[in-house]
Every structure is written in structure tokens, then in C-alpha cells.
N, C-alpha and C. Protein backbone atom coordinates (compact mmCIF):
# COMPACT_ATOMS: atom_id res chain seq x y z
N UNK A 1 -281.28 -142.60 17.73
CA UNK A 1 -281.16 -141.67 16.61
C UNK A 1 -279.99 -142.11 15.74
N UNK A 2 -280.17 -142.19 14.44
CA UNK A 2 -279.10 -142.58 13.53
C UNK A 2 -278.06 -141.48 13.45
N UNK A 3 -276.84 -141.90 13.12
CA UNK A 3 -275.75 -140.94 13.03
C UNK A 3 -275.96 -139.92 11.93
N UNK A 4 -276.73 -140.27 10.91
CA UNK A 4 -276.92 -139.37 9.78
C UNK A 4 -278.00 -138.33 10.04
N UNK A 5 -278.82 -138.52 11.07
CA UNK A 5 -279.87 -137.56 11.37
C UNK A 5 -279.29 -136.33 12.05
N UNK A 6 -279.81 -135.17 11.69
CA UNK A 6 -279.37 -133.93 12.32
C UNK A 6 -280.08 -133.80 13.67
N UNK A 7 -279.34 -133.41 14.66
CA UNK A 7 -279.89 -133.24 15.99
C UNK A 7 -280.20 -131.77 16.19
N UNK A 8 -281.35 -131.48 16.76
CA UNK A 8 -281.72 -130.11 17.07
C UNK A 8 -281.06 -129.72 18.39
N UNK A 9 -280.27 -128.67 18.34
CA UNK A 9 -279.60 -128.21 19.56
C UNK A 9 -280.59 -127.47 20.45
N UNK A 10 -280.42 -127.58 21.75
CA UNK A 10 -281.32 -126.87 22.65
C UNK A 10 -281.12 -125.36 22.55
N UNK A 11 -282.14 -124.62 22.92
CA UNK A 11 -282.03 -123.17 22.95
C UNK A 11 -281.34 -122.79 24.26
N UNK A 12 -280.17 -122.20 24.12
CA UNK A 12 -279.37 -121.81 25.28
C UNK A 12 -279.11 -120.32 25.17
N UNK A 13 -279.36 -119.59 26.24
CA UNK A 13 -279.14 -118.14 26.20
C UNK A 13 -277.65 -117.83 26.33
N UNK A 14 -277.28 -116.65 25.84
CA UNK A 14 -275.90 -116.19 26.00
C UNK A 14 -275.55 -116.08 27.48
N UNK A 15 -276.52 -115.67 28.27
CA UNK A 15 -276.33 -115.55 29.72
C UNK A 15 -275.96 -116.91 30.33
N UNK A 16 -276.65 -117.97 29.89
CA UNK A 16 -276.34 -119.32 30.40
C UNK A 16 -274.93 -119.75 30.00
N UNK A 17 -274.53 -119.42 28.78
CA UNK A 17 -273.19 -119.76 28.31
C UNK A 17 -272.14 -119.04 29.15
N UNK A 18 -272.35 -117.74 29.38
CA UNK A 18 -271.41 -116.96 30.19
C UNK A 18 -271.31 -117.53 31.60
N UNK A 19 -272.45 -117.82 32.22
CA UNK A 19 -272.43 -118.32 33.60
C UNK A 19 -271.71 -119.66 33.71
N UNK A 20 -271.98 -120.56 32.78
CA UNK A 20 -271.32 -121.87 32.85
C UNK A 20 -269.82 -121.74 32.64
N UNK A 21 -269.42 -121.01 31.60
CA UNK A 21 -267.98 -120.91 31.33
C UNK A 21 -267.27 -120.10 32.40
N UNK A 22 -267.95 -119.15 33.03
CA UNK A 22 -267.35 -118.42 34.15
C UNK A 22 -267.11 -119.38 35.31
N UNK A 23 -268.07 -120.22 35.58
CA UNK A 23 -267.90 -121.20 36.66
C UNK A 23 -266.75 -122.14 36.36
N UNK A 24 -266.64 -122.58 35.13
CA UNK A 24 -265.54 -123.46 34.74
C UNK A 24 -264.21 -122.72 34.87
N UNK A 25 -264.16 -121.48 34.41
CA UNK A 25 -262.93 -120.69 34.48
C UNK A 25 -262.46 -120.42 35.89
N UNK A 26 -263.38 -120.26 36.81
CA UNK A 26 -263.03 -119.95 38.20
C UNK A 26 -262.63 -121.21 38.97
N UNK A 27 -263.33 -122.30 38.77
CA UNK A 27 -263.16 -123.46 39.63
C UNK A 27 -262.34 -124.60 39.04
N UNK A 28 -262.09 -124.59 37.76
CA UNK A 28 -261.36 -125.70 37.14
C UNK A 28 -259.93 -125.27 36.81
N UNK A 29 -258.99 -126.07 37.24
CA UNK A 29 -257.58 -125.77 37.00
C UNK A 29 -256.92 -126.98 36.36
N UNK A 30 -255.93 -126.73 35.49
CA UNK A 30 -255.12 -127.80 34.94
C UNK A 30 -255.79 -128.55 33.81
N UNK A 31 -255.26 -129.73 33.54
CA UNK A 31 -255.69 -130.52 32.40
C UNK A 31 -257.06 -131.15 32.52
N UNK A 32 -257.64 -131.16 33.70
CA UNK A 32 -258.94 -131.79 33.88
C UNK A 32 -260.11 -130.95 33.46
N UNK A 33 -259.85 -129.77 32.92
CA UNK A 33 -260.95 -128.87 32.58
C UNK A 33 -261.87 -129.45 31.51
N UNK A 34 -261.32 -130.16 30.53
CA UNK A 34 -262.18 -130.70 29.48
C UNK A 34 -263.14 -131.75 30.04
N UNK A 35 -262.72 -132.48 31.07
CA UNK A 35 -263.62 -133.43 31.72
C UNK A 35 -264.77 -132.73 32.42
N UNK A 36 -264.47 -131.61 33.06
CA UNK A 36 -265.51 -130.83 33.72
C UNK A 36 -266.46 -130.25 32.68
N UNK A 37 -265.91 -129.75 31.58
CA UNK A 37 -266.75 -129.21 30.51
C UNK A 37 -267.66 -130.31 29.97
N UNK A 38 -267.13 -131.51 29.78
CA UNK A 38 -267.94 -132.64 29.30
C UNK A 38 -269.10 -132.90 30.25
N UNK A 39 -268.80 -132.98 31.55
CA UNK A 39 -269.85 -133.25 32.54
C UNK A 39 -270.95 -132.19 32.47
N UNK A 40 -270.53 -130.94 32.38
CA UNK A 40 -271.51 -129.85 32.39
C UNK A 40 -272.31 -129.76 31.10
N UNK A 41 -271.63 -129.86 29.96
CA UNK A 41 -272.26 -129.60 28.66
C UNK A 41 -272.98 -130.82 28.10
N UNK A 42 -272.43 -132.01 28.31
CA UNK A 42 -273.02 -133.22 27.74
C UNK A 42 -273.90 -133.95 28.76
N UNK A 43 -273.31 -134.28 29.91
CA UNK A 43 -274.02 -135.12 30.88
C UNK A 43 -275.12 -134.36 31.61
N UNK A 44 -274.78 -133.22 32.15
CA UNK A 44 -275.73 -132.49 33.01
C UNK A 44 -276.75 -131.69 32.19
N UNK A 45 -276.28 -130.86 31.27
CA UNK A 45 -277.18 -129.94 30.56
C UNK A 45 -277.68 -130.48 29.22
N UNK A 46 -276.97 -131.47 28.67
CA UNK A 46 -277.33 -132.06 27.38
C UNK A 46 -277.39 -131.02 26.25
N UNK A 47 -276.48 -130.05 26.32
CA UNK A 47 -276.41 -129.04 25.27
C UNK A 47 -275.84 -129.63 23.99
N UNK A 48 -274.88 -130.56 24.12
CA UNK A 48 -274.29 -131.23 22.97
C UNK A 48 -274.33 -132.73 23.21
N UNK A 49 -274.31 -133.50 22.11
CA UNK A 49 -274.20 -134.95 22.24
C UNK A 49 -272.74 -135.29 22.54
N UNK A 50 -272.51 -136.52 22.94
CA UNK A 50 -271.13 -136.95 23.20
C UNK A 50 -270.29 -136.84 21.94
N UNK A 51 -270.84 -137.24 20.79
CA UNK A 51 -270.11 -137.16 19.53
C UNK A 51 -269.78 -135.71 19.17
N UNK A 52 -270.74 -134.82 19.35
CA UNK A 52 -270.49 -133.40 19.05
C UNK A 52 -269.38 -132.85 19.95
N UNK A 53 -269.44 -133.21 21.23
CA UNK A 53 -268.42 -132.74 22.16
C UNK A 53 -267.05 -133.28 21.77
N UNK A 54 -266.97 -134.59 21.49
CA UNK A 54 -265.68 -135.20 21.16
C UNK A 54 -265.12 -134.64 19.86
N UNK A 55 -265.98 -134.30 18.91
CA UNK A 55 -265.51 -133.63 17.68
C UNK A 55 -264.90 -132.28 18.02
N UNK A 56 -265.57 -131.53 18.88
CA UNK A 56 -265.03 -130.24 19.30
C UNK A 56 -263.74 -130.37 20.08
N UNK A 57 -263.66 -131.39 20.92
CA UNK A 57 -262.43 -131.62 21.69
C UNK A 57 -261.27 -131.94 20.76
N UNK A 58 -261.53 -132.78 19.75
CA UNK A 58 -260.48 -133.12 18.80
C UNK A 58 -259.98 -131.88 18.06
N UNK A 59 -260.91 -131.06 17.60
CA UNK A 59 -260.53 -129.83 16.90
C UNK A 59 -259.77 -128.90 17.84
N UNK A 60 -260.23 -128.79 19.08
CA UNK A 60 -259.60 -127.86 20.03
C UNK A 60 -258.17 -128.26 20.35
N UNK A 61 -257.85 -129.54 20.20
CA UNK A 61 -256.51 -130.01 20.52
C UNK A 61 -255.54 -129.88 19.36
N UNK A 62 -256.05 -129.71 18.15
CA UNK A 62 -255.13 -129.63 17.02
C UNK A 62 -254.91 -128.20 16.52
N UNK A 63 -255.72 -127.26 16.97
CA UNK A 63 -255.49 -125.88 16.56
C UNK A 63 -254.72 -125.14 17.65
N UNK A 64 -253.98 -124.10 17.29
CA UNK A 64 -253.19 -123.38 18.29
C UNK A 64 -254.07 -122.75 19.37
N UNK A 65 -253.53 -122.65 20.54
CA UNK A 65 -254.23 -122.03 21.66
C UNK A 65 -254.49 -123.00 22.78
N UNK A 66 -255.00 -122.47 23.86
CA UNK A 66 -255.33 -123.30 25.01
C UNK A 66 -256.52 -124.19 24.66
N UNK A 67 -256.39 -125.48 24.92
CA UNK A 67 -257.43 -126.44 24.54
C UNK A 67 -258.80 -126.08 25.07
N UNK A 68 -258.88 -125.73 26.35
CA UNK A 68 -260.20 -125.47 26.93
C UNK A 68 -260.80 -124.20 26.33
N UNK A 69 -259.99 -123.22 26.02
CA UNK A 69 -260.50 -122.00 25.38
C UNK A 69 -261.04 -122.34 24.00
N UNK A 70 -260.26 -123.10 23.24
CA UNK A 70 -260.73 -123.53 21.92
C UNK A 70 -262.03 -124.33 22.04
N UNK A 71 -262.10 -125.18 23.06
CA UNK A 71 -263.29 -126.01 23.26
C UNK A 71 -264.52 -125.18 23.57
N UNK A 72 -264.41 -124.20 24.45
CA UNK A 72 -265.59 -123.38 24.77
C UNK A 72 -265.98 -122.50 23.59
N UNK A 73 -265.01 -122.09 22.77
CA UNK A 73 -265.34 -121.35 21.54
C UNK A 73 -266.19 -122.26 20.64
N UNK A 74 -265.77 -123.49 20.48
CA UNK A 74 -266.52 -124.46 19.67
C UNK A 74 -267.93 -124.64 20.22
N UNK A 75 -268.03 -124.86 21.53
CA UNK A 75 -269.34 -125.09 22.15
C UNK A 75 -270.24 -123.87 21.97
N UNK A 76 -269.71 -122.68 22.27
CA UNK A 76 -270.49 -121.46 22.12
C UNK A 76 -270.94 -121.25 20.69
N UNK A 77 -270.05 -121.53 19.74
CA UNK A 77 -270.39 -121.37 18.33
C UNK A 77 -271.47 -122.37 17.92
N UNK A 78 -271.36 -123.60 18.39
CA UNK A 78 -272.37 -124.61 18.06
C UNK A 78 -273.74 -124.21 18.58
N UNK A 79 -273.76 -123.62 19.77
CA UNK A 79 -275.03 -123.30 20.42
C UNK A 79 -275.65 -122.00 19.93
N UNK A 80 -274.81 -120.96 19.73
CA UNK A 80 -275.36 -119.63 19.42
C UNK A 80 -274.56 -118.87 18.36
N UNK A 81 -273.70 -119.54 17.61
CA UNK A 81 -272.93 -118.85 16.58
C UNK A 81 -271.83 -117.99 17.18
N UNK A 82 -271.46 -116.94 16.44
CA UNK A 82 -270.37 -116.06 16.90
C UNK A 82 -270.66 -115.42 18.25
N UNK A 83 -271.88 -114.93 18.52
CA UNK A 83 -272.13 -114.38 19.85
C UNK A 83 -271.95 -115.42 20.96
N UNK A 84 -272.30 -116.66 20.68
CA UNK A 84 -272.10 -117.73 21.66
C UNK A 84 -270.63 -118.00 21.92
N UNK A 85 -269.83 -117.99 20.85
CA UNK A 85 -268.39 -118.19 21.00
C UNK A 85 -267.77 -117.07 21.82
N UNK A 86 -268.14 -115.82 21.51
CA UNK A 86 -267.61 -114.67 22.25
C UNK A 86 -268.05 -114.72 23.71
N UNK A 87 -269.30 -115.09 23.95
CA UNK A 87 -269.80 -115.19 25.33
C UNK A 87 -269.06 -116.26 26.11
N UNK A 88 -268.77 -117.37 25.46
CA UNK A 88 -268.06 -118.47 26.13
C UNK A 88 -266.66 -118.05 26.54
N UNK A 89 -265.95 -117.36 25.65
CA UNK A 89 -264.60 -116.90 25.98
C UNK A 89 -264.65 -115.86 27.08
N UNK A 90 -265.58 -114.93 26.98
CA UNK A 90 -265.73 -113.91 28.02
C UNK A 90 -265.96 -114.56 29.38
N UNK A 91 -266.88 -115.50 29.43
CA UNK A 91 -267.17 -116.16 30.70
C UNK A 91 -265.97 -116.92 31.24
N UNK A 92 -265.27 -117.63 30.36
CA UNK A 92 -264.12 -118.42 30.78
C UNK A 92 -263.01 -117.56 31.36
N UNK A 93 -262.78 -116.38 30.78
CA UNK A 93 -261.66 -115.54 31.18
C UNK A 93 -262.01 -114.50 32.24
N UNK A 94 -263.28 -114.22 32.44
CA UNK A 94 -263.71 -113.16 33.35
C UNK A 94 -263.21 -113.38 34.78
N UNK A 95 -263.52 -114.51 35.36
CA UNK A 95 -263.12 -114.78 36.74
C UNK A 95 -261.62 -114.84 36.94
N UNK A 96 -260.90 -115.64 36.13
CA UNK A 96 -259.44 -115.69 36.29
C UNK A 96 -258.77 -114.33 36.08
N UNK A 97 -259.32 -113.50 35.19
CA UNK A 97 -258.75 -112.17 34.98
C UNK A 97 -258.76 -111.37 36.27
N UNK A 98 -259.90 -111.34 36.94
CA UNK A 98 -259.99 -110.57 38.18
C UNK A 98 -259.23 -111.23 39.32
N UNK A 99 -259.13 -112.56 39.31
CA UNK A 99 -258.32 -113.25 40.30
C UNK A 99 -256.86 -112.84 40.17
N UNK A 100 -256.35 -112.82 38.94
CA UNK A 100 -254.95 -112.45 38.71
C UNK A 100 -254.72 -110.99 39.09
N UNK A 101 -255.63 -110.11 38.73
CA UNK A 101 -255.50 -108.69 39.11
C UNK A 101 -255.49 -108.57 40.63
N UNK A 102 -256.39 -109.25 41.31
CA UNK A 102 -256.44 -109.21 42.77
C UNK A 102 -255.17 -109.77 43.39
N UNK A 103 -254.68 -110.90 42.87
CA UNK A 103 -253.44 -111.48 43.39
C UNK A 103 -252.27 -110.53 43.19
N UNK A 104 -252.23 -109.86 42.04
CA UNK A 104 -251.15 -108.90 41.80
C UNK A 104 -251.23 -107.75 42.80
N UNK A 105 -252.42 -107.23 43.02
CA UNK A 105 -252.57 -106.11 43.96
C UNK A 105 -252.15 -106.51 45.37
N UNK A 106 -252.52 -107.71 45.78
CA UNK A 106 -252.09 -108.19 47.10
C UNK A 106 -250.57 -108.34 47.13
N UNK A 107 -250.01 -108.99 46.11
CA UNK A 107 -248.56 -109.17 46.04
C UNK A 107 -247.84 -107.83 46.05
N UNK A 108 -248.33 -106.89 45.25
CA UNK A 108 -247.69 -105.58 45.17
C UNK A 108 -247.68 -104.86 46.51
N UNK A 109 -248.70 -105.09 47.32
CA UNK A 109 -248.76 -104.41 48.61
C UNK A 109 -247.92 -105.09 49.69
N UNK A 110 -247.53 -106.36 49.49
CA UNK A 110 -246.77 -107.06 50.53
C UNK A 110 -245.38 -107.49 50.10
N UNK A 111 -245.01 -107.26 48.85
CA UNK A 111 -243.74 -107.79 48.33
C UNK A 111 -242.51 -107.23 49.03
N UNK A 112 -242.61 -106.04 49.61
CA UNK A 112 -241.44 -105.43 50.24
C UNK A 112 -241.31 -105.78 51.72
N UNK A 113 -242.22 -106.54 52.26
CA UNK A 113 -242.09 -107.01 53.64
C UNK A 113 -240.99 -108.06 53.66
N UNK A 114 -240.02 -107.89 54.53
CA UNK A 114 -238.82 -108.73 54.55
C UNK A 114 -239.11 -110.22 54.54
N UNK A 115 -239.98 -110.68 55.42
CA UNK A 115 -240.28 -112.11 55.50
C UNK A 115 -240.95 -112.62 54.23
N UNK A 116 -241.83 -111.82 53.68
CA UNK A 116 -242.52 -112.20 52.43
C UNK A 116 -241.50 -112.28 51.30
N UNK A 117 -240.64 -111.27 51.20
CA UNK A 117 -239.63 -111.23 50.15
C UNK A 117 -238.70 -112.44 50.25
N UNK A 118 -238.27 -112.76 51.47
CA UNK A 118 -237.38 -113.92 51.66
C UNK A 118 -238.10 -115.21 51.29
N UNK A 119 -239.35 -115.34 51.68
CA UNK A 119 -240.12 -116.53 51.34
C UNK A 119 -240.28 -116.69 49.84
N UNK A 120 -240.56 -115.58 49.15
CA UNK A 120 -240.73 -115.63 47.70
C UNK A 120 -239.43 -115.97 47.00
N UNK A 121 -238.30 -115.48 47.53
CA UNK A 121 -237.01 -115.84 46.94
C UNK A 121 -236.75 -117.33 47.11
N UNK A 122 -237.13 -117.88 48.25
CA UNK A 122 -236.99 -119.32 48.46
C UNK A 122 -237.86 -120.12 47.50
N UNK A 123 -239.08 -119.66 47.31
CA UNK A 123 -239.98 -120.34 46.36
C UNK A 123 -239.42 -120.25 44.95
N UNK A 124 -238.87 -119.09 44.59
CA UNK A 124 -238.28 -118.91 43.27
C UNK A 124 -237.12 -119.88 43.06
N UNK A 125 -236.26 -120.00 44.08
CA UNK A 125 -235.12 -120.92 43.97
C UNK A 125 -235.59 -122.36 43.79
N UNK A 126 -236.61 -122.75 44.54
CA UNK A 126 -237.14 -124.11 44.41
C UNK A 126 -237.74 -124.33 43.02
N UNK A 127 -238.48 -123.35 42.52
CA UNK A 127 -239.08 -123.47 41.19
C UNK A 127 -238.01 -123.57 40.12
N UNK A 128 -236.96 -122.77 40.25
CA UNK A 128 -235.86 -122.82 39.28
C UNK A 128 -235.17 -124.18 39.32
N UNK A 129 -235.04 -124.75 40.50
CA UNK A 129 -234.47 -126.09 40.62
C UNK A 129 -235.30 -127.12 39.88
N UNK A 130 -236.61 -127.02 40.00
CA UNK A 130 -237.51 -127.95 39.31
C UNK A 130 -237.38 -127.77 37.80
N UNK A 131 -237.35 -126.53 37.34
CA UNK A 131 -237.19 -126.26 35.91
C UNK A 131 -235.87 -126.82 35.41
N UNK A 132 -234.80 -126.59 36.16
CA UNK A 132 -233.48 -127.09 35.77
C UNK A 132 -233.49 -128.62 35.68
N UNK A 133 -234.14 -129.27 36.64
CA UNK A 133 -234.23 -130.73 36.62
C UNK A 133 -234.95 -131.21 35.35
N UNK A 134 -236.03 -130.54 34.99
CA UNK A 134 -236.78 -130.91 33.79
C UNK A 134 -235.91 -130.71 32.54
N UNK A 135 -235.17 -129.61 32.49
CA UNK A 135 -234.30 -129.34 31.35
C UNK A 135 -233.24 -130.43 31.22
N UNK A 136 -232.60 -130.78 32.33
CA UNK A 136 -231.54 -131.80 32.29
C UNK A 136 -232.12 -133.15 31.89
N UNK A 137 -233.24 -133.53 32.48
CA UNK A 137 -233.87 -134.81 32.11
C UNK A 137 -234.27 -134.82 30.64
N UNK A 138 -234.82 -133.70 30.18
CA UNK A 138 -235.21 -133.62 28.78
C UNK A 138 -234.01 -133.75 27.85
N UNK A 139 -232.92 -133.09 28.21
CA UNK A 139 -231.71 -133.17 27.39
C UNK A 139 -231.16 -134.60 27.38
N UNK A 140 -231.17 -135.26 28.51
CA UNK A 140 -230.66 -136.63 28.58
C UNK A 140 -231.58 -137.62 27.88
N UNK A 141 -232.89 -137.42 28.00
CA UNK A 141 -233.85 -138.36 27.40
C UNK A 141 -234.07 -138.09 25.93
N UNK A 142 -233.58 -136.99 25.44
CA UNK A 142 -233.79 -136.66 24.04
C UNK A 142 -233.02 -137.57 23.11
N UNK A 143 -232.38 -138.59 23.67
CA UNK A 143 -231.64 -139.53 22.85
C UNK A 143 -230.28 -139.02 22.46
N UNK A 144 -229.90 -137.86 22.98
CA UNK A 144 -228.63 -137.28 22.58
C UNK A 144 -227.59 -137.35 23.69
N UNK A 145 -227.98 -137.74 24.91
CA UNK A 145 -227.03 -137.83 26.01
C UNK A 145 -226.30 -136.53 26.24
N UNK A 146 -224.98 -136.60 26.19
CA UNK A 146 -224.17 -135.41 26.48
C UNK A 146 -224.33 -134.33 25.42
N UNK A 147 -224.67 -134.72 24.19
CA UNK A 147 -224.89 -133.71 23.14
C UNK A 147 -226.04 -132.79 23.55
N UNK A 148 -227.11 -133.38 24.05
CA UNK A 148 -228.25 -132.58 24.50
C UNK A 148 -227.87 -131.65 25.63
N UNK A 149 -227.07 -132.14 26.56
CA UNK A 149 -226.63 -131.29 27.67
C UNK A 149 -225.76 -130.14 27.17
N UNK A 150 -224.87 -130.43 26.22
CA UNK A 150 -223.98 -129.38 25.69
C UNK A 150 -224.80 -128.31 24.97
N UNK A 151 -225.75 -128.73 24.14
CA UNK A 151 -226.58 -127.76 23.41
C UNK A 151 -227.44 -126.97 24.39
N UNK A 152 -227.99 -127.64 25.40
CA UNK A 152 -228.78 -126.95 26.42
C UNK A 152 -227.93 -125.93 27.15
N UNK A 153 -226.72 -126.33 27.54
CA UNK A 153 -225.81 -125.41 28.25
C UNK A 153 -225.41 -124.25 27.35
N UNK A 154 -225.15 -124.52 26.08
CA UNK A 154 -224.77 -123.44 25.16
C UNK A 154 -225.92 -122.46 24.96
N UNK A 155 -227.12 -122.98 24.82
CA UNK A 155 -228.29 -122.11 24.67
C UNK A 155 -228.50 -121.26 25.91
N UNK A 156 -228.41 -121.89 27.07
CA UNK A 156 -228.58 -121.16 28.34
C UNK A 156 -227.52 -120.09 28.50
N UNK A 157 -226.27 -120.44 28.22
CA UNK A 157 -225.18 -119.46 28.36
C UNK A 157 -225.36 -118.30 27.39
N UNK A 158 -225.70 -118.59 26.15
CA UNK A 158 -225.86 -117.53 25.15
C UNK A 158 -226.98 -116.57 25.51
N UNK A 159 -228.10 -117.12 26.00
CA UNK A 159 -229.26 -116.28 26.28
C UNK A 159 -229.17 -115.64 27.66
N UNK A 160 -228.88 -116.43 28.68
CA UNK A 160 -228.92 -115.92 30.06
C UNK A 160 -227.67 -115.14 30.44
N UNK A 161 -226.51 -115.61 30.02
CA UNK A 161 -225.27 -114.96 30.44
C UNK A 161 -224.79 -113.90 29.46
N UNK A 162 -224.87 -114.21 28.17
CA UNK A 162 -224.37 -113.28 27.16
C UNK A 162 -225.46 -112.37 26.60
N UNK A 163 -226.71 -112.63 26.98
CA UNK A 163 -227.87 -111.81 26.61
C UNK A 163 -228.11 -111.73 25.11
N UNK A 164 -227.81 -112.82 24.40
CA UNK A 164 -228.16 -112.90 22.99
C UNK A 164 -229.66 -113.18 22.88
N UNK A 165 -230.31 -112.72 21.81
CA UNK A 165 -231.74 -112.99 21.64
C UNK A 165 -231.99 -114.49 21.44
N UNK A 166 -233.06 -114.99 22.04
CA UNK A 166 -233.36 -116.42 22.04
C UNK A 166 -233.55 -116.99 20.63
N UNK A 167 -234.34 -116.34 19.80
CA UNK A 167 -234.68 -116.92 18.50
C UNK A 167 -233.44 -117.14 17.62
N UNK A 168 -232.54 -116.14 17.46
CA UNK A 168 -231.34 -116.43 16.68
C UNK A 168 -230.47 -117.54 17.28
N UNK A 169 -230.40 -117.60 18.60
CA UNK A 169 -229.61 -118.66 19.25
C UNK A 169 -230.21 -120.03 18.91
N UNK A 170 -231.52 -120.15 19.03
CA UNK A 170 -232.17 -121.43 18.71
C UNK A 170 -232.02 -121.75 17.23
N UNK A 171 -232.18 -120.74 16.37
CA UNK A 171 -232.02 -120.98 14.93
C UNK A 171 -230.60 -121.43 14.59
N UNK A 172 -229.62 -121.00 15.35
CA UNK A 172 -228.24 -121.42 15.13
C UNK A 172 -227.97 -122.80 15.73
N UNK A 173 -228.39 -123.01 16.97
CA UNK A 173 -228.03 -124.24 17.68
C UNK A 173 -228.92 -125.43 17.34
N UNK A 174 -230.16 -125.21 16.97
CA UNK A 174 -231.04 -126.34 16.65
C UNK A 174 -230.51 -127.18 15.49
N UNK A 175 -230.10 -126.57 14.37
CA UNK A 175 -229.56 -127.40 13.28
C UNK A 175 -228.28 -128.13 13.69
N UNK A 176 -227.46 -127.49 14.52
CA UNK A 176 -226.24 -128.15 15.01
C UNK A 176 -226.62 -129.36 15.85
N UNK A 177 -227.58 -129.18 16.73
CA UNK A 177 -228.04 -130.28 17.58
C UNK A 177 -228.61 -131.42 16.75
N UNK A 178 -229.42 -131.10 15.76
CA UNK A 178 -230.01 -132.12 14.89
C UNK A 178 -228.91 -132.85 14.13
N UNK A 179 -227.94 -132.12 13.60
CA UNK A 179 -226.84 -132.74 12.85
C UNK A 179 -226.02 -133.67 13.74
N UNK A 180 -225.70 -133.22 14.95
CA UNK A 180 -224.94 -134.06 15.88
C UNK A 180 -225.72 -135.32 16.26
N UNK A 181 -226.99 -135.18 16.50
CA UNK A 181 -227.82 -136.34 16.83
C UNK A 181 -227.91 -137.30 15.64
N UNK A 182 -228.03 -136.76 14.44
CA UNK A 182 -228.09 -137.59 13.24
C UNK A 182 -226.79 -138.37 13.06
N UNK A 183 -225.66 -137.67 13.24
CA UNK A 183 -224.36 -138.34 13.14
C UNK A 183 -224.22 -139.44 14.18
N UNK A 184 -224.64 -139.16 15.39
CA UNK A 184 -224.55 -140.16 16.46
C UNK A 184 -225.43 -141.36 16.15
N UNK A 185 -226.62 -141.11 15.66
CA UNK A 185 -227.55 -142.19 15.33
C UNK A 185 -226.97 -143.08 14.24
N UNK A 186 -226.40 -142.48 13.20
CA UNK A 186 -225.88 -143.26 12.08
C UNK A 186 -224.55 -143.92 12.39
N UNK A 187 -223.83 -143.36 13.33
CA UNK A 187 -222.57 -143.97 13.75
C UNK A 187 -222.83 -145.19 14.62
N UNK A 188 -223.87 -145.11 15.48
CA UNK A 188 -224.16 -146.20 16.42
C UNK A 188 -225.33 -147.06 15.96
N UNK A 189 -226.03 -146.63 14.94
CA UNK A 189 -227.25 -147.35 14.56
C UNK A 189 -227.09 -148.12 13.33
């Protein structure tokens, strides 16, 4: 088929869209979701061509929002218009919504058990350590060296210790950080 020819899309029911996106939402985690969507929509079901899918993937990555959500909106819209887009989002979010509610209910019922509470505090400390490591590496790799660390420390102190609102702190410190980095670049470059 030539690229200029219009392809007739298959007739897909809203029910089929909901079921597929629900399955994707429940079983697919992380960045690999678009690969799973490709397998299901292009390879297995042939609902879209590879070019149509890749066009939707490109659009889904440049507009705000979660890529896979944007992608299923595109797919649903291509197949069934606005009702298809709404069905795709509903299906994608339905399973995870109830999973999160269930996890919260379980957590809420066991959070006060001493061993559980201690274990969760340990997990929290480990997670905070990982976040701190990422922040420090990011500050050092940002090309600013100690300047990045100082701005990071100042931002953290202002927000976490002094309880200043984040947005004004960032609006104040970001231009300072940019100016210091610019000066350093032109002094050494």
C-alpha cells in the first residue's frame, strides 16, 4: 500500500478498547508500556499500522502528561473518536485505581503494627538515601560542581528546614544558579 493511500481502520468496539487498555494498565509497569501497547495494537490486533502507531507515540511524547496515557488517548481517538479516547483512558486507569485503593486499605489497617511501622521507616530511610544520592549526582554532573551543591543545599534548607514555599525559592535561586554557572563557564571557557 502506498504511503499516500488512506487505510481503513478496523471496526473496534469500545468494550474491546476498554478491555485491552485495562489489561495494559494492570500488567504493564514502567517505561516498557509503549512496547506492550505496540505489540497489542499493531502486531497482534492490527488496529493501527506501524506508521500510525509511531506518529501517535511521537505526539504522546511531546505533549504534557504520561506518555502511555497520551498514547492510548491517541489510539482510542483514531479508532472510535472521542468515545474511544475516553474508553481507553478509563480502561487504562481502572485497574491501577482499585489496586491503589486496595493497597491503601491494607496499609491503613497494618500501619500501626510495630514491626510493620519499623520496616516502613527503614524503607523510607533507604528511599531517601537513594533520592539524596540522585540529587548530589545531579548537582555535581550539572557542570556546576560545588555551585550546584550549594544551590541544592540552599534550596533544601529554605524549603525543608525554614518551610519557605518551593516556587518562590526556585524562582529566586534558579537565576542565581544560572548566573553563577554562566560566570564559571566564561571564566574557564
